Amino acid sequence: MRLATVFTDVELPAGTPVTESRCGSCRRCLEACPAGAGRDVTWSVGMRRDVLLDFYACERQNASNIGTVGDVCGICVAVCPQGLIPGTRCRAAT
């Protein structure tokens, strides 16, 4: 996930918060990750990132492939079918 800050005084609608996992039996992110960074657990509100994802494996994979540290490739986000459903996720952030 990539986050950014936008400074504006324009009224922007907020989406509905995601409060429960929509993954079901889907494993696309786990299978697509070249670093094997995803952990086979069900996401829940308040879950720590390290329970869901080995961020350091992700970061190492990117550093060795594209030479930058601190960035992630975003393949997991790109293959997520929930991101393709209008109104569930901002596709511009991927």
N, C-alpha and C. Protein backbone atom coordinates (compact mmCIF):
# COMPACT_ATOMS: atom_id res chain seq x y z
N MET A 1 0.85 -1.15 0.00
CA MET A 1 0.00 0.00 0.00
C MET A 1 0.90 1.22 0.00
N ARG A 2 0.52 2.18 -0.78
CA ARG A 2 1.26 3.44 -0.79
C ARG A 2 0.31 4.54 -0.32
N LEU A 3 0.76 5.32 0.61
CA LEU A 3 -0.05 6.40 1.15
C LEU A 3 0.57 7.74 0.79
N ALA A 4 -0.26 8.72 0.63
CA ALA A 4 0.22 10.06 0.32
C ALA A 4 -0.66 11.07 1.04
N THR A 5 -0.18 12.27 1.15
CA THR A 5 -0.95 13.35 1.75
C THR A 5 -1.30 14.35 0.67
N VAL A 6 -2.57 14.75 0.64
CA VAL A 6 -3.04 15.76 -0.30
C VAL A 6 -3.60 16.91 0.53
N PHE A 7 -3.08 18.09 0.32
CA PHE A 7 -3.59 19.27 1.01
C PHE A 7 -4.61 19.95 0.12
N THR A 8 -5.83 20.08 0.62
CA THR A 8 -6.90 20.71 -0.15
C THR A 8 -8.00 21.18 0.80
N ASP A 9 -8.80 22.10 0.32
CA ASP A 9 -9.97 22.51 1.08
C ASP A 9 -11.25 22.03 0.39
N VAL A 10 -11.10 21.13 -0.58
CA VAL A 10 -12.24 20.57 -1.30
C VAL A 10 -12.88 19.49 -0.45
N GLU A 11 -14.22 19.48 -0.41
CA GLU A 11 -14.94 18.43 0.30
C GLU A 11 -14.78 17.12 -0.47
N LEU A 12 -14.22 16.13 0.19
CA LEU A 12 -14.03 14.82 -0.43
C LEU A 12 -14.84 13.78 0.33
N PRO A 13 -15.57 12.95 -0.41
CA PRO A 13 -16.36 11.92 0.28
C PRO A 13 -15.45 10.84 0.85
N ALA A 14 -15.81 10.33 2.00
CA ALA A 14 -15.06 9.24 2.61
C ALA A 14 -15.75 7.93 2.28
N GLY A 15 -14.97 6.89 2.08
CA GLY A 15 -15.52 5.57 1.81
C GLY A 15 -15.97 4.91 3.10
N THR A 16 -16.55 3.77 2.96
CA THR A 16 -16.98 2.99 4.11
C THR A 16 -15.77 2.23 4.66
N PRO A 17 -15.49 2.35 5.94
CA PRO A 17 -14.33 1.64 6.51
C PRO A 17 -14.48 0.13 6.37
N VAL A 18 -13.39 -0.54 6.13
CA VAL A 18 -13.37 -2.00 6.08
C VAL A 18 -13.16 -2.48 7.51
N THR A 19 -14.09 -3.27 8.02
CA THR A 19 -14.02 -3.71 9.41
C THR A 19 -13.88 -5.23 9.54
N GLU A 20 -13.93 -5.95 8.42
CA GLU A 20 -13.73 -7.39 8.47
C GLU A 20 -13.08 -7.85 7.18
N SER A 21 -12.38 -8.96 7.25
CA SER A 21 -11.68 -9.50 6.10
C SER A 21 -12.65 -9.86 4.98
N ARG A 22 -12.27 -9.58 3.77
CA ARG A 22 -13.06 -9.96 2.60
C ARG A 22 -12.30 -10.99 1.77
N CYS A 23 -11.24 -11.54 2.32
CA CYS A 23 -10.36 -12.44 1.59
C CYS A 23 -10.99 -13.81 1.32
N GLY A 24 -11.75 -14.32 2.28
CA GLY A 24 -12.29 -15.67 2.13
C GLY A 24 -11.15 -16.67 1.94
N SER A 25 -11.25 -17.49 0.90
CA SER A 25 -10.20 -18.47 0.62
C SER A 25 -9.20 -17.97 -0.42
N CYS A 26 -9.31 -16.72 -0.80
CA CYS A 26 -8.40 -16.15 -1.80
C CYS A 26 -6.97 -16.12 -1.28
N ARG A 27 -6.02 -16.47 -2.13
CA ARG A 27 -4.60 -16.47 -1.78
C ARG A 27 -3.78 -15.78 -2.86
N ARG A 28 -4.41 -14.97 -3.68
CA ARG A 28 -3.72 -14.34 -4.81
C ARG A 28 -2.50 -13.53 -4.38
N CYS A 29 -2.62 -12.78 -3.31
CA CYS A 29 -1.49 -11.95 -2.86
C CYS A 29 -0.33 -12.83 -2.41
N LEU A 30 -0.64 -13.90 -1.70
CA LEU A 30 0.41 -14.81 -1.23
C LEU A 30 1.12 -15.48 -2.40
N GLU A 31 0.36 -15.91 -3.39
CA GLU A 31 0.93 -16.60 -4.54
C GLU A 31 1.70 -15.66 -5.45
N ALA A 32 1.31 -14.41 -5.52
CA ALA A 32 1.95 -13.46 -6.43
C ALA A 32 3.21 -12.82 -5.87
N CYS A 33 3.39 -12.83 -4.56
CA CYS A 33 4.50 -12.12 -3.93
C CYS A 33 5.84 -12.78 -4.25
N PRO A 34 6.73 -12.08 -4.96
CA PRO A 34 8.02 -12.66 -5.30
C PRO A 34 8.93 -12.87 -4.08
N ALA A 35 8.65 -12.18 -3.00
CA ALA A 35 9.47 -12.30 -1.79
C ALA A 35 8.92 -13.34 -0.82
N GLY A 36 7.71 -13.81 -1.07
CA GLY A 36 7.06 -14.72 -0.13
C GLY A 36 6.79 -14.04 1.20
N ALA A 37 6.51 -12.75 1.15
CA ALA A 37 6.38 -11.94 2.37
C ALA A 37 5.02 -12.06 3.05
N GLY A 38 4.00 -12.49 2.32
CA GLY A 38 2.68 -12.60 2.92
C GLY A 38 2.60 -13.78 3.86
N ARG A 39 1.83 -13.62 4.92
CA ARG A 39 1.62 -14.70 5.88
C ARG A 39 0.19 -15.18 5.74
N ASP A 40 0.00 -16.46 5.78
CA ASP A 40 -1.32 -17.06 5.55
C ASP A 40 -2.19 -16.96 6.80
N VAL A 41 -2.61 -15.73 7.09
CA VAL A 41 -3.49 -15.46 8.23
C VAL A 41 -4.65 -14.60 7.75
N THR A 42 -5.73 -14.62 8.48
CA THR A 42 -6.88 -13.80 8.14
C THR A 42 -6.73 -12.44 8.80
N TRP A 43 -6.85 -11.39 8.02
CA TRP A 43 -6.74 -10.02 8.52
C TRP A 43 -7.90 -9.70 9.43
N SER A 44 -7.64 -8.90 10.46
CA SER A 44 -8.70 -8.37 11.31
C SER A 44 -8.31 -6.95 11.74
N VAL A 45 -9.32 -6.18 12.10
CA VAL A 45 -9.10 -4.80 12.53
C VAL A 45 -8.13 -4.77 13.71
N GLY A 46 -7.14 -3.90 13.64
CA GLY A 46 -6.19 -3.74 14.72
C GLY A 46 -5.01 -4.69 14.66
N MET A 47 -4.99 -5.57 13.65
CA MET A 47 -3.88 -6.51 13.53
C MET A 47 -2.58 -5.77 13.23
N ARG A 48 -1.50 -6.17 13.89
CA ARG A 48 -0.20 -5.57 13.62
C ARG A 48 0.28 -6.03 12.24
N ARG A 49 0.98 -5.16 11.55
CA ARG A 49 1.47 -5.45 10.20
C ARG A 49 2.35 -6.70 10.18
N ASP A 50 3.20 -6.88 11.18
CA ASP A 50 4.13 -8.00 11.16
C ASP A 50 3.45 -9.36 11.31
N VAL A 51 2.22 -9.39 11.77
CA VAL A 51 1.46 -10.63 11.82
C VAL A 51 0.98 -11.02 10.43
N LEU A 52 0.69 -10.04 9.62
CA LEU A 52 0.14 -10.24 8.28
C LEU A 52 1.20 -10.32 7.20
N LEU A 53 2.32 -9.61 7.40
CA LEU A 53 3.29 -9.43 6.33
C LEU A 53 4.70 -9.33 6.90
N ASP A 54 5.64 -10.00 6.24
CA ASP A 54 7.05 -9.85 6.59
C ASP A 54 7.59 -8.70 5.74
N PHE A 55 7.42 -7.49 6.26
CA PHE A 55 7.80 -6.30 5.49
C PHE A 55 9.28 -6.31 5.12
N TYR A 56 10.11 -6.84 5.99
CA TYR A 56 11.55 -6.83 5.72
C TYR A 56 11.91 -7.75 4.56
N ALA A 57 11.20 -8.87 4.40
CA ALA A 57 11.42 -9.73 3.23
C ALA A 57 11.01 -8.99 1.97
N CYS A 58 9.92 -8.26 2.05
CA CYS A 58 9.44 -7.46 0.92
C CYS A 58 10.47 -6.39 0.56
N GLU A 59 10.96 -5.71 1.57
CA GLU A 59 11.93 -4.64 1.36
C GLU A 59 13.24 -5.20 0.77
N ARG A 60 13.69 -6.34 1.28
CA ARG A 60 14.93 -6.96 0.75
C ARG A 60 14.76 -7.36 -0.71
N GLN A 61 13.60 -7.89 -1.06
CA GLN A 61 13.32 -8.29 -2.44
C GLN A 61 13.42 -7.08 -3.36
N ASN A 62 12.85 -5.97 -2.96
CA ASN A 62 12.88 -4.77 -3.79
C ASN A 62 14.27 -4.18 -3.87
N ALA A 63 14.99 -4.20 -2.78
CA ALA A 63 16.35 -3.66 -2.78
C ALA A 63 17.23 -4.45 -3.74
N SER A 64 17.04 -5.77 -3.79
CA SER A 64 17.87 -6.58 -4.69
C SER A 64 17.43 -6.46 -6.13
N ASN A 65 16.14 -6.19 -6.38
CA ASN A 65 15.64 -6.11 -7.76
C ASN A 65 15.71 -4.72 -8.37
N ILE A 66 15.36 -3.69 -7.57
CA ILE A 66 15.31 -2.35 -8.13
C ILE A 66 16.27 -1.39 -7.46
N GLY A 67 16.98 -1.88 -6.45
CA GLY A 67 18.02 -1.09 -5.82
C GLY A 67 17.57 0.01 -4.89
N THR A 68 16.32 -0.02 -4.45
CA THR A 68 15.87 0.99 -3.51
C THR A 68 15.44 0.32 -2.21
N VAL A 69 15.67 0.98 -1.12
CA VAL A 69 15.29 0.47 0.19
C VAL A 69 14.11 1.30 0.69
N GLY A 70 13.14 0.64 1.30
CA GLY A 70 11.99 1.35 1.85
C GLY A 70 10.78 1.34 0.93
N ASP A 71 10.97 0.91 -0.31
CA ASP A 71 9.85 0.83 -1.25
C ASP A 71 9.37 -0.61 -1.33
N VAL A 72 8.14 -0.78 -1.71
CA VAL A 72 7.59 -2.11 -1.95
C VAL A 72 7.06 -2.15 -3.37
N CYS A 73 7.01 -3.35 -3.96
CA CYS A 73 6.62 -3.46 -5.37
C CYS A 73 5.13 -3.28 -5.58
N GLY A 74 4.29 -3.64 -4.61
CA GLY A 74 2.85 -3.46 -4.73
C GLY A 74 2.15 -4.55 -5.52
N ILE A 75 2.86 -5.64 -5.88
CA ILE A 75 2.23 -6.72 -6.63
C ILE A 75 1.05 -7.29 -5.86
N CYS A 76 1.20 -7.45 -4.55
CA CYS A 76 0.12 -8.00 -3.73
C CYS A 76 -1.14 -7.14 -3.82
N VAL A 77 -0.97 -5.85 -3.82
CA VAL A 77 -2.11 -4.94 -3.91
C VAL A 77 -2.72 -4.99 -5.30
N ALA A 78 -1.87 -5.07 -6.33
CA ALA A 78 -2.36 -5.08 -7.71
C ALA A 78 -3.18 -6.32 -8.04
N VAL A 79 -2.88 -7.47 -7.42
CA VAL A 79 -3.62 -8.69 -7.75
C VAL A 79 -4.84 -8.90 -6.87
N CYS A 80 -5.02 -8.08 -5.85
CA CYS A 80 -6.14 -8.23 -4.92
C CYS A 80 -7.47 -7.96 -5.63
N PRO A 81 -8.38 -8.94 -5.68
CA PRO A 81 -9.66 -8.70 -6.34
C PRO A 81 -10.52 -7.67 -5.62
N GLN A 82 -10.31 -7.45 -4.33
CA GLN A 82 -11.08 -6.45 -3.60
C GLN A 82 -10.77 -5.04 -4.12
N GLY A 83 -9.58 -4.83 -4.62
CA GLY A 83 -9.22 -3.53 -5.16
C GLY A 83 -9.87 -3.24 -6.49
N LEU A 84 -10.47 -4.26 -7.10
CA LEU A 84 -11.12 -4.08 -8.39
C LEU A 84 -12.59 -3.78 -8.27
N ILE A 85 -13.13 -3.88 -7.06
CA ILE A 85 -14.56 -3.61 -6.84
C ILE A 85 -14.72 -2.12 -6.55
N PRO A 86 -15.50 -1.40 -7.37
CA PRO A 86 -15.66 0.04 -7.14
C PRO A 86 -16.12 0.34 -5.73
N GLY A 87 -15.44 1.31 -5.11
CA GLY A 87 -15.81 1.78 -3.80
C GLY A 87 -15.16 1.06 -2.65
N THR A 88 -14.38 -0.02 -2.92
CA THR A 88 -13.75 -0.74 -1.82
C THR A 88 -12.34 -0.29 -1.56
N ARG A 89 -11.67 0.26 -2.54
CA ARG A 89 -10.29 0.70 -2.34
C ARG A 89 -9.94 1.73 -3.42
N CYS A 90 -9.14 2.68 -3.05
CA CYS A 90 -8.70 3.70 -4.00
C CYS A 90 -7.63 3.11 -4.91
N ARG A 91 -7.91 2.86 -6.15
CA ARG A 91 -6.96 2.25 -7.08
C ARG A 91 -5.80 3.20 -7.38
N ALA A 92 -6.01 4.49 -7.21
CA ALA A 92 -4.93 5.45 -7.47
C ALA A 92 -3.79 5.29 -6.48
N ALA A 93 -4.04 4.68 -5.35
CA ALA A 93 -3.02 4.51 -4.34
C ALA A 93 -2.12 3.32 -4.61
N THR A 94 -2.41 2.53 -5.63
CA THR A 94 -1.60 1.35 -5.93
C THR A 94 -0.65 1.61 -7.06
